[in-house]
Each structure stands twice: as C-alpha cells, then as structure tokens.
C-alpha atoms as a PDB file:
ATOM      1  CA  MET A   1      -0.384   1.428 -16.509  1.00  0.00           C
ATOM      2  CA  ASP A   2      -3.457  -0.466 -15.432  1.00  0.00           C
ATOM      3  CA  LYS A   3      -4.526  -1.281 -11.914  1.00  0.00           C
ATOM      4  CA  VAL A   4      -2.839  -4.457 -10.532  1.00  0.00           C
ATOM      5  CA  PHE A   5      -4.382  -6.739  -8.026  1.00  0.00           C
ATOM      6  CA  LEU A   6      -2.246  -7.131  -4.925  1.00  0.00           C
ATOM      7  CA  TYR A   7      -3.458 -10.113  -2.967  1.00  0.00           C
ATOM      8  CA  ASN A   8      -4.615 -12.721  -5.384  1.00  0.00           C
ATOM      9  CA  ASP A   9      -8.210 -12.110  -4.459  1.00  0.00           C
ATOM     10  CA  ASN A  10      -9.316  -9.842  -7.367  1.00  0.00           C
ATOM     11  CA  ILE A  11     -10.155  -7.173  -4.745  1.00  0.00           C
ATOM     12  CA  GLY A  12      -7.118  -5.575  -3.268  1.00  0.00           C
ATOM     13  CA  PHE A  13      -5.583  -3.280  -5.950  1.00  0.00           C
ATOM     14  CA  CYS A  14      -3.541  -0.282  -6.893  1.00  0.00           C
ATOM     15  CA  GLY A  15      -3.389   1.897  -9.946  1.00  0.00           C
ATOM     16  CA  ILE A  16      -2.171   4.905 -11.295  1.00  0.00           C
ATOM     17  CA  LEU A  17      -4.726   7.754 -12.223  1.00  0.00           C
ATOM     18  CA  ASP A  18      -2.369  10.723 -13.140  1.00  0.00           C
ATOM     19  CA  HIS A  19       1.095  11.746 -13.151  1.00  0.00           C
ATOM     20  CA  MET A  20       3.211  14.990 -13.702  1.00  0.00           C
ATOM     21  CA  GLY A  21       6.712  15.285 -15.066  1.00  0.00           C
ATOM     22  CA  ASP A  22       9.385  12.880 -16.355  1.00  0.00           C
ATOM     23  CA  ASP A  23      13.205  12.577 -15.996  1.00  0.00           C
ATOM     24  CA  LEU A  24      13.605  15.539 -18.308  1.00  0.00           C
ATOM     25  CA  ALA A  25      11.324  17.695 -15.964  1.00  0.00           C
ATOM     26  CA  ILE A  26      13.804  16.717 -13.078  1.00  0.00           C
ATOM     27  CA  VAL A  27      16.988  18.018 -14.819  1.00  0.00           C
ATOM     28  CA  ASN A  28      15.321  21.144 -16.115  1.00  0.00           C
ATOM     29  CA  SER A  29      14.099  21.798 -12.517  1.00  0.00           C
ATOM     30  CA  ALA A  30      17.800  21.498 -11.438  1.00  0.00           C
ATOM     31  CA  ARG A  31      19.406  23.503 -14.517  1.00  0.00           C
ATOM     32  CA  VAL A  32      16.989  26.385 -13.735  1.00  0.00           C
ATOM     33  CA  SER A  33      19.492  27.569 -11.178  1.00  0.00           C
ATOM     34  CA  PHE A  34      21.790  28.362 -14.282  1.00  0.00           C
ATOM     35  CA  ASN A  35      18.837  29.799 -16.266  1.00  0.00           C
ATOM     36  CA  THR A  36      18.855  26.822 -18.786  1.00  0.00           C
ATOM     37  CA  THR A  37      16.628  24.161 -20.110  1.00  0.00           C
ATOM     38  CA  HIS A  38      16.924  21.118 -22.397  1.00  0.00           C
ATOM     39  CA  GLU A  39      14.389  19.969 -24.878  1.00  0.00           C
ATOM     40  CA  ALA A  40      15.535  16.504 -24.813  1.00  0.00           C
ATOM     41  CA  LEU A  41      17.294  14.261 -22.190  1.00  0.00           C
ATOM     42  CA  THR A  42      21.003  13.731 -22.943  1.00  0.00           C
ATOM     43  CA  ASP A  43      23.568  11.431 -21.539  1.00  0.00           C
ATOM     44  CA  ARG A  44      24.839  14.377 -19.434  1.00  0.00           C
ATOM     45  CA  ASP A  45      21.416  14.727 -17.934  1.00  0.00           C
ATOM     46  CA  ILE A  46      21.145  11.079 -17.083  1.00  0.00           C
ATOM     47  CA  LYS A  47      24.614  11.429 -15.139  1.00  0.00           C
ATOM     48  CA  LEU A  48      23.004  14.527 -13.533  1.00  0.00           C
ATOM     49  CA  ILE A  49      20.070  12.660 -12.205  1.00  0.00           C
ATOM     50  CA  LYS A  50      22.402   9.995 -10.700  1.00  0.00           C
ATOM     51  CA  TYR A  51      24.380  12.752  -9.131  1.00  0.00           C
ATOM     52  CA  LEU A  52      21.461  14.530  -7.589  1.00  0.00           C
ATOM     53  CA  TYR A  53      19.975  11.464  -6.080  1.00  0.00           C
ATOM     54  CA  ALA A  54      23.233  10.216  -4.840  1.00  0.00           C
ATOM     55  CA  ASN A  55      24.043  13.430  -3.121  1.00  0.00           C
ATOM     56  CA  LYS A  56      20.569  13.938  -1.773  1.00  0.00           C
ATOM     57  CA  HIS A  57      19.614  16.909  -3.822  1.00  0.00           C
ATOM     58  CA  THR A  58      15.893  16.052  -3.489  1.00  0.00           C
ATOM     59  CA  SER A  59      14.214  19.279  -4.529  1.00  0.00           C
ATOM     60  CA  PRO A  60      14.241  18.740  -8.239  1.00  0.00           C
ATOM     61  CA  PHE A  61      12.417  15.268  -7.929  1.00  0.00           C
ATOM     62  CA  GLU A  62       9.728  17.151  -5.851  1.00  0.00           C
ATOM     63  CA  HIS A  63       8.541  18.815  -8.976  1.00  0.00           C
ATOM     64  CA  CYS A  64       7.180  15.647 -10.290  1.00  0.00           C
ATOM     65  CA  THR A  65       4.006  13.762  -8.915  1.00  0.00           C
ATOM     66  CA  ILE A  66       2.253  10.532  -9.283  1.00  0.00           C
ATOM     67  CA  LYS A  67      -1.673  10.085  -8.253  1.00  0.00           C
ATOM     68  CA  PHE A  68      -2.596   6.576  -7.304  1.00  0.00           C
ATOM     69  CA  GLU A  69      -5.842   4.689  -6.525  1.00  0.00           C
ATOM     70  CA  CYS A  70      -5.658   2.110  -3.809  1.00  0.00           C
ATOM     71  CA  ASN A  71      -7.903  -0.458  -2.590  1.00  0.00           C
ATOM     72  CA  VAL A  72      -6.159  -2.211   0.561  1.00  0.00           C
ATOM     73  CA  PRO A  73      -7.387  -3.489   4.076  1.00  0.00           C
ATOM     74  CA  LEU A  74      -7.777  -0.872   6.572  1.00  0.00           C
ATOM     75  CA  PHE A  75      -4.685  -2.123   8.504  1.00  0.00           C
ATOM     76  CA  VAL A  76      -2.511  -1.483   5.397  1.00  0.00           C
ATOM     77  CA  ALA A  77      -4.165   1.816   4.697  1.00  0.00           C
ATOM     78  CA  ARG A  78      -3.381   3.198   8.074  1.00  0.00           C
ATOM     79  CA  GLN A  79       0.309   2.318   7.817  1.00  0.00           C
ATOM     80  CA  HIS A  80       0.342   4.049   4.321  1.00  0.00           C
ATOM     81  CA  MET A  81      -1.209   7.193   5.855  1.00  0.00           C
ATOM     82  CA  ARG A  82       1.445   7.467   8.517  1.00  0.00           C
ATOM     83  CA  HIS A  83       3.423   8.855   5.564  1.00  0.00           C
ATOM     84  CA  ARG A  84       2.151  12.299   6.028  1.00  0.00           C
ATOM     85  CA  THR A  85       3.948  13.998   3.073  1.00  0.00           C
ATOM     86  CA  TRP A  86       1.329  12.275   0.866  1.00  0.00           C
ATOM     87  CA  SER A  87      -2.128  13.644   0.193  1.00  0.00           C
ATOM     88  CA  TYR A  88      -5.169  11.263   0.931  1.00  0.00           C
ATOM     89  CA  ASN A  89      -8.978  11.182   0.245  1.00  0.00           C
ATOM     90  CA  GLU A  90     -10.856   8.034   1.062  1.00  0.00           C
ATOM     91  CA  VAL A  91     -14.051   6.453   0.982  1.00  0.00           C
ATOM     92  CA  SER A  92     -16.230   7.440   4.100  1.00  0.00           C
ATOM     93  CA  ARG A  93     -18.246   5.066   5.955  1.00  0.00           C
ATOM     94  CA  ARG A  94     -20.131   8.045   7.204  1.00  0.00           C
ATOM     95  CA  TYR A  95     -21.534   8.597   3.631  1.00  0.00           C
ATOM     96  CA  THR A  96     -22.019   5.159   2.351  1.00  0.00           C
ATOM     97  CA  GLU A  97     -22.771   1.657   3.607  1.00  0.00           C
ATOM     98  CA  VAL A  98     -22.433   0.051   0.240  1.00  0.00           C
ATOM     99  CA  ASP A  99     -19.848  -2.107  -1.523  1.00  0.00           C
ATOM    100  CA  LEU A 100     -18.349  -3.710   1.694  1.00  0.00           C
ATOM    101  CA  GLU A 101     -15.410  -5.876   0.920  1.00  0.00           C
ATOM    102  CA  PHE A 102     -12.976  -7.744   3.021  1.00  0.00           C
ATOM    103  CA  TYR A 103      -9.551  -9.198   2.979  1.00  0.00           C
ATOM    104  CA  THR A 104      -9.395 -12.891   4.087  1.00  0.00           C
ATOM    105  CA  THR A 105      -6.865 -15.485   3.653  1.00  0.00           C
ATOM    106  CA  LYS A 106      -5.963 -19.152   4.446  1.00  0.00           C
ATOM    107  CA  GLU A 107      -2.228 -18.360   5.095  1.00  0.00           C
ATOM    108  CA  PHE A 108      -0.875 -16.811   8.186  1.00  0.00           C
ATOM    109  CA  ARG A 109       2.695 -15.752   8.876  1.00  0.00           C
ATOM    110  CA  PRO A 110       4.250 -16.681  12.487  1.00  0.00           C
ATOM    111  CA  GLN A 111       5.281 -13.833  14.647  1.00  0.00           C
ATOM    112  CA  ALA A 112       9.105 -13.094  14.504  1.00  0.00           C
ATOM    113  CA  LYS A 113      10.812 -13.852  17.687  1.00  0.00           C
ATOM    114  CA  SER A 114      13.384 -11.241  17.378  1.00  0.00           C
ATOM    115  CA  ASN A 115      11.179  -8.317  16.194  1.00  0.00           C
ATOM    116  CA  ARG A 116       8.078  -7.578  18.024  1.00  0.00           C
ATOM    117  CA  GLN A 117       6.447  -5.675  15.049  1.00  0.00           C
ATOM    118  CA  ALA A 118       7.442  -8.081  12.234  1.00  0.00           C
ATOM    119  CA  SER A 119       6.419 -11.489  11.018  1.00  0.00           C
ATOM    120  CA  VAL A 120       8.614 -14.358   9.677  1.00  0.00           C
ATOM    121  CA  HIS A 121       9.052 -14.025   5.998  1.00  0.00           C
ATOM    122  CA  ASP A 122      10.772 -17.159   5.046  1.00  0.00           C
ATOM    123  CA  ASP A 123       7.799 -18.935   3.410  1.00  0.00           C
ATOM    124  CA  ILE A 124       6.676 -20.417   6.758  1.00  0.00           C
ATOM    125  CA  LEU A 125       2.892 -20.270   6.669  1.00  0.00           C
ATOM    126  CA  ILE A 126       0.388 -21.492   9.134  1.00  0.00           C
ATOM    127  CA  ASN A 127      -3.414 -21.945   9.613  1.00  0.00           C
ATOM    128  CA  PRO A 128      -3.663 -23.189  13.087  1.00  0.00           C
ATOM    129  CA  VAL A 129      -6.452 -24.842  14.902  1.00  0.00           C
ATOM    130  CA  LEU A 130      -8.181 -22.333  17.288  1.00  0.00           C
ATOM    131  CA  THR A 131     -10.852 -24.392  18.812  1.00  0.00           C
ATOM    132  CA  THR A 132     -11.803 -28.044  19.093  1.00  0.00           C
ATOM    133  CA  VAL A 133     -15.068 -29.463  20.065  1.00  0.00           C
ATOM    134  CA  VAL A 134     -14.920 -33.047  21.143  1.00  0.00           C
ATOM    135  CA  GLY A 135     -17.646 -35.303  20.195  1.00  0.00           C
ATOM    136  CA  ASP A 136     -18.521 -38.885  20.905  1.00  0.00           C
ATOM    137  CA  THR A 137     -17.565 -40.121  17.512  1.00  0.00           C
ATOM    138  CA  GLN A 138     -15.836 -37.034  15.848  1.00  0.00           C
ATOM    139  CA  ASP A 139     -14.051 -33.921  16.781  1.00  0.00           C
ATOM    140  CA  TRP A 140     -14.774 -30.490  15.227  1.00  0.00           C
ATOM    141  CA  THR A 141     -12.199 -27.936  14.746  1.00  0.00           C
ATOM    142  CA  THR A 142     -12.171 -24.343  13.603  1.00  0.00           C
ATOM    143  CA  ARG A 143      -8.900 -23.121  11.882  1.00  0.00           C
ATOM    144  CA  ALA A 144      -7.867 -19.279  11.819  1.00  0.00           C
ATOM    145  CA  ASP A 145      -9.204 -18.714   8.257  1.00  0.00           C
ATOM    146  CA  GLU A 146     -12.648 -20.058   9.191  1.00  0.00           C
ATOM    147  CA  ALA A 147     -12.720 -18.021  12.419  1.00  0.00           C
ATOM    148  CA  ILE A 148     -11.801 -15.124  10.615  1.00  0.00           C
ATOM    149  CA  LEU A 149     -14.585 -15.465   7.940  1.00  0.00           C
ATOM    150  CA  LEU A 150     -17.237 -16.120  10.627  1.00  0.00           C
ATOM    151  CA  HIS A 151     -16.023 -13.199  12.581  1.00  0.00           C
ATOM    152  CA  THR A 152     -16.370 -10.789   9.486  1.00  0.00           C
ATOM    153  CA  GLN A 153     -19.829 -12.293   8.556  1.00  0.00           C
ATOM    154  CA  ASN A 154     -21.058 -11.550  12.026  1.00  0.00           C
ATOM    155  CA  SER A 155     -19.568  -8.140  12.137  1.00  0.00           C
ATOM    156  CA  VAL A 156     -21.331  -7.205   8.919  1.00  0.00           C
ATOM    157  CA  LYS A 157     -24.667  -8.669  10.248  1.00  0.00           C
ATOM    158  CA  LEU A 158     -24.374  -6.668  13.342  1.00  0.00           C
ATOM    159  CA  TYR A 159     -23.515  -3.437  11.163  1.00  0.00           C
ATOM    160  CA  GLU A 160     -26.665  -4.097   8.938  1.00  0.00           C
ATOM    161  CA  SER A 161     -28.764  -4.597  12.030  1.00  0.00           C
ATOM    162  CA  LEU A 162     -27.783  -1.493  13.622  1.00  0.00           C
ATOM    163  CA  LEU A 163     -28.534   0.358  10.317  1.00  0.00           C
ATOM    164  CA  ASP A 164     -31.981  -1.210  10.137  1.00  0.00           C
ATOM    165  CA  LYS A 165     -32.863  -0.107  13.584  1.00  0.00           C
ATOM    166  CA  GLY A 166     -31.931   3.369  12.812  1.00  0.00           C
ATOM    167  CA  VAL A 167     -28.331   3.848  14.067  1.00  0.00           C
ATOM    168  CA  CYS A 168     -26.307   6.257  12.043  1.00  0.00           C
ATOM    169  CA  ARG A 169     -23.682   5.165   9.749  1.00  0.00           C
ATOM    170  CA  GLU A 170     -20.928   7.092  11.499  1.00  0.00           C
ATOM    171  CA  GLN A 171     -21.572   5.029  14.754  1.00  0.00           C
ATOM    172  CA  ALA A 172     -22.566   1.736  13.163  1.00  0.00           C
ATOM    173  CA  ARG A 173     -19.296   1.615  11.345  1.00  0.00           C
ATOM    174  CA  MET A 174     -17.290   1.145  14.691  1.00  0.00           C
ATOM    175  CA  VAL A 175     -18.177  -2.567  14.491  1.00  0.00           C
ATOM    176  CA  LEU A 176     -16.608  -3.295  11.038  1.00  0.00           C
ATOM    177  CA  PRO A 177     -13.417  -5.000  11.398  1.00  0.00           C
ATOM    178  CA  GLN A 178      -9.905  -3.998  10.274  1.00  0.00           C
ATOM    179  CA  ASN A 179      -9.796  -6.418   7.390  1.00  0.00           C
ATOM    180  CA  MET A 180     -12.354  -4.308   5.731  1.00  0.00           C
ATOM    181  CA  TYR A 181     -11.089  -2.740   2.294  1.00  0.00           C
ATOM    182  CA  CYS A 182     -10.529   0.866   2.143  1.00  0.00           C
ATOM    183  CA  ARG A 183     -10.601   2.632  -1.148  1.00  0.00           C
ATOM    184  CA  TYR A 184      -8.680   5.939  -1.390  1.00  0.00           C
ATOM    185  CA  ILE A 185      -6.729   8.194  -3.710  1.00  0.00           C
ATOM    186  CA  ALA A 186      -3.087   8.994  -2.810  1.00  0.00           C
ATOM    187  CA  THR A 187      -0.857  11.704  -4.225  1.00  0.00           C
ATOM    188  CA  ALA A 188       2.774  12.438  -3.626  1.00  0.00           C
ATOM    189  CA  ASN A 189       5.942  13.995  -5.156  1.00  0.00           C
ATOM    190  CA  LEU A 190       8.355  11.577  -6.609  1.00  0.00           C
ATOM    191  CA  HIS A 191      11.121  12.356  -3.820  1.00  0.00           C
ATOM    192  CA  ASN A 192       8.594  11.187  -1.180  1.00  0.00           C
ATOM    193  CA  ILE A 193       7.184   8.248  -3.281  1.00  0.00           C
ATOM    194  CA  LEU A 194      10.735   6.884  -3.274  1.00  0.00           C
ATOM    195  CA  LYS A 195      11.294   7.433   0.252  1.00  0.00           C
ATOM    196  CA  PHE A 196       8.012   5.268   1.011  1.00  0.00           C
ATOM    197  CA  ILE A 197       9.296   2.524  -1.324  1.00  0.00           C
ATOM    198  CA  SER A 198      12.597   2.467   0.542  1.00  0.00           C
ATOM    199  CA  LEU A 199      10.861   1.964   3.873  1.00  0.00           C
ATOM    200  CA  ARG A 200       7.977  -0.282   3.002  1.00  0.00           C
ATOM    201  CA  ASP A 201       9.631  -2.508   0.351  1.00  0.00           C
ATOM    202  CA  LYS A 202      12.266  -4.254   2.398  1.00  0.00           C
ATOM    203  CA  PRO A 203      12.397  -7.607   4.178  1.00  0.00           C
ATOM    204  CA  GLY A 204      11.179  -6.509   7.582  1.00  0.00           C
ATOM    205  CA  ALA A 205       8.066  -4.702   6.161  1.00  0.00           C
ATOM    206  CA  GLN A 206       4.602  -6.200   6.323  1.00  0.00           C
ATOM    207  CA  TRP A 207       3.895  -8.439   3.184  1.00  0.00           C
ATOM    208  CA  GLU A 208       0.614  -6.724   2.523  1.00  0.00           C
ATOM    209  CA  MET A 209       2.332  -3.322   2.659  1.00  0.00           C
ATOM    210  CA  ARG A 210       5.384  -4.437   0.675  1.00  0.00           C
ATOM    211  CA  LYS A 211       3.129  -5.481  -2.250  1.00  0.00           C
ATOM    212  CA  LEU A 212       1.698  -2.038  -2.498  1.00  0.00           C
ATOM    213  CA  ALA A 213       5.155  -0.544  -2.442  1.00  0.00           C
ATOM    214  CA  GLN A 214       6.427  -2.883  -4.957  1.00  0.00           C
ATOM    215  CA  TYR A 215       3.693  -1.848  -7.372  1.00  0.00           C
ATOM    216  CA  MET A 216       4.526   1.648  -6.842  1.00  0.00           C
ATOM    217  CA  GLY A 217       8.107   0.980  -7.564  1.00  0.00           C
ATOM    218  CA  GLU A 218       7.064  -0.621 -11.012  1.00  0.00           C
ATOM    219  CA  VAL A 219       5.076   2.511 -11.885  1.00  0.00           C
ATOM    220  CA  VAL A 220       8.165   4.934 -10.998  1.00  0.00           C
ATOM    221  CA  SER A 221      10.561   2.649 -13.049  1.00  0.00           C
ATOM    222  CA  GLU A 222       8.122   3.069 -16.062  1.00  0.00           C
ATOM    223  CA  LEU A 223       7.459   6.816 -15.777  1.00  0.00           C
ATOM    224  CA  PHE A 224      10.981   7.804 -14.405  1.00  0.00           C
ATOM    225  CA  PRO A 225      13.474   5.060 -15.603  1.00  0.00           C
ATOM    226  CA  HIS A 226      16.608   6.990 -15.063  1.00  0.00           C
ATOM    227  CA  THR A 227      15.435   8.272 -11.658  1.00  0.00           C
ATOM    228  CA  TRP A 228      14.643   4.639 -10.838  1.00  0.00           C
ATOM    229  CA  GLU A 229      18.137   3.510 -11.863  1.00  0.00           C
ATOM    230  CA  ALA A 230      19.672   6.162  -9.674  1.00  0.00           C
ATOM    231  CA  TYR A 231      17.575   5.171  -6.903  1.00  0.00           C
ATOM    232  CA  THR A 232      18.411   1.457  -7.267  1.00  0.00           C
ATOM    233  CA  LEU A 233      22.025   2.361  -7.361  1.00  0.00           C
ATOM    234  CA  THR A 234      21.963   3.990  -3.930  1.00  0.00           C
ATOM    235  CA  THR A 235      19.295   1.967  -2.118  1.00  0.00           C
ATOM    236  CA  THR A 236      19.341  -1.398  -0.739  1.00  0.00           C
ATOM    237  CA  ILE A 237      15.986  -3.125  -0.854  1.00  0.00           C
END
C-alpha cells in the first residue's frame, strides 16, 4: 500500500515501509503450543484468530510487525510517541536544517466544553478574527489562519538568522513552532498497533491523530484481514 496524504495539503502522510507475518503466522504461533503448524489458513484457523483476540490471548499477534513512515506535525508525532511499545527514529534538526515544512489550516475546531483535552467534532469549524485595526475609512482584520501563517514565517526567518550568525542547529531549532512537520519511522507488533488504533481512532481523539490511526487501520485490514475482522467484532470505534 502506497503512502497516503492525511490532511489535504499534500505534505502530511503515512505509508508502509515493510511488514512481517500474516494471519497464518498468527495461528501457527498459537498452535506451536501443540507442536503443530498449518501450510494454509483454514476455516478453523479463522475461528481461532477470533477466539484469541476476543479472549485477549495477545502473544500470537506480537509475532507480526509493520514498519510505517510518518510525516505529521510535531504535536501529532509527540502524541504518537507516547505509545512507548513502538520503536521510533525521526529526522533530527540537530543534523539538518533543510526541507522545513509546516502544517497550516483555515479551519479550526472549537474547544469542547465538557472535555478539557478535546475539541468539538460535529463539523463546527471556525476561523475567528484575532485582531482588528480600525482606520478612518476601512478596518483591517487578522484571522487565525493568517496569524498562524505569519507566526510560522517569522519563526523560520528567526531560525535562519540564528544559523546565519553561527548559532548551532541544536539551539536554533528551539524557535521552530509545533506545526513543523516531523518525519519518522515507526515500527510495532500487530497487538500494539491494534491497541494504538483502538485508542486513537475514536470520537474523542484529536482529528489529526485520528487520520493517522485510520490509515494504519486500513493497512492492517489489508495485510491481516481476519485479524482485523476479529478486532472489529470486539472493539467499538
């Protein structure tokens, strides 16, 4: 499966780099307890996958892995990296100052009133006026998207000025904003990928993170269709 752009800006993406195992590998990992293996998946094996997942026998799923390449804003990457059962390697701004890209949007979600950490997800989008300059014949307003773009541009200019004056990359990077894209490789076993999806693809999850989790769900459903079916039977998204 090729990489998929996540945010309609042709920048943020996720793609699969490699994977190990399939549904048959899962049942053979389970059946090794009886010193038996199958060469092809049977109906009985499919029932076994459903039984294993429904009853939280997770170790057979841990013998399969997927390696992803992600390019998401820093504030999304740091949420992802809270899942410490994954392995990560990311582009380091200590080593390079090239290919700076930033996530910007003209649509903003209001803060949820009943959940301090979440936004409103019922298609209510805003782009509020932040400042207004009153003139004799005309008023000038600055909306949220314009202010963010200006802030991003000024941050990059300051970063480049620091580098030009000899400041090291590892310190100059401190002025770059959280909407800077972060490219990294993320690898996990199938059990922990499904756990990630169950937590991050739900109505209360951040939209930008949810798009990442939804793509990963599509990958799992293609590579491990019977495991995905077992997951959807036991999980409410």
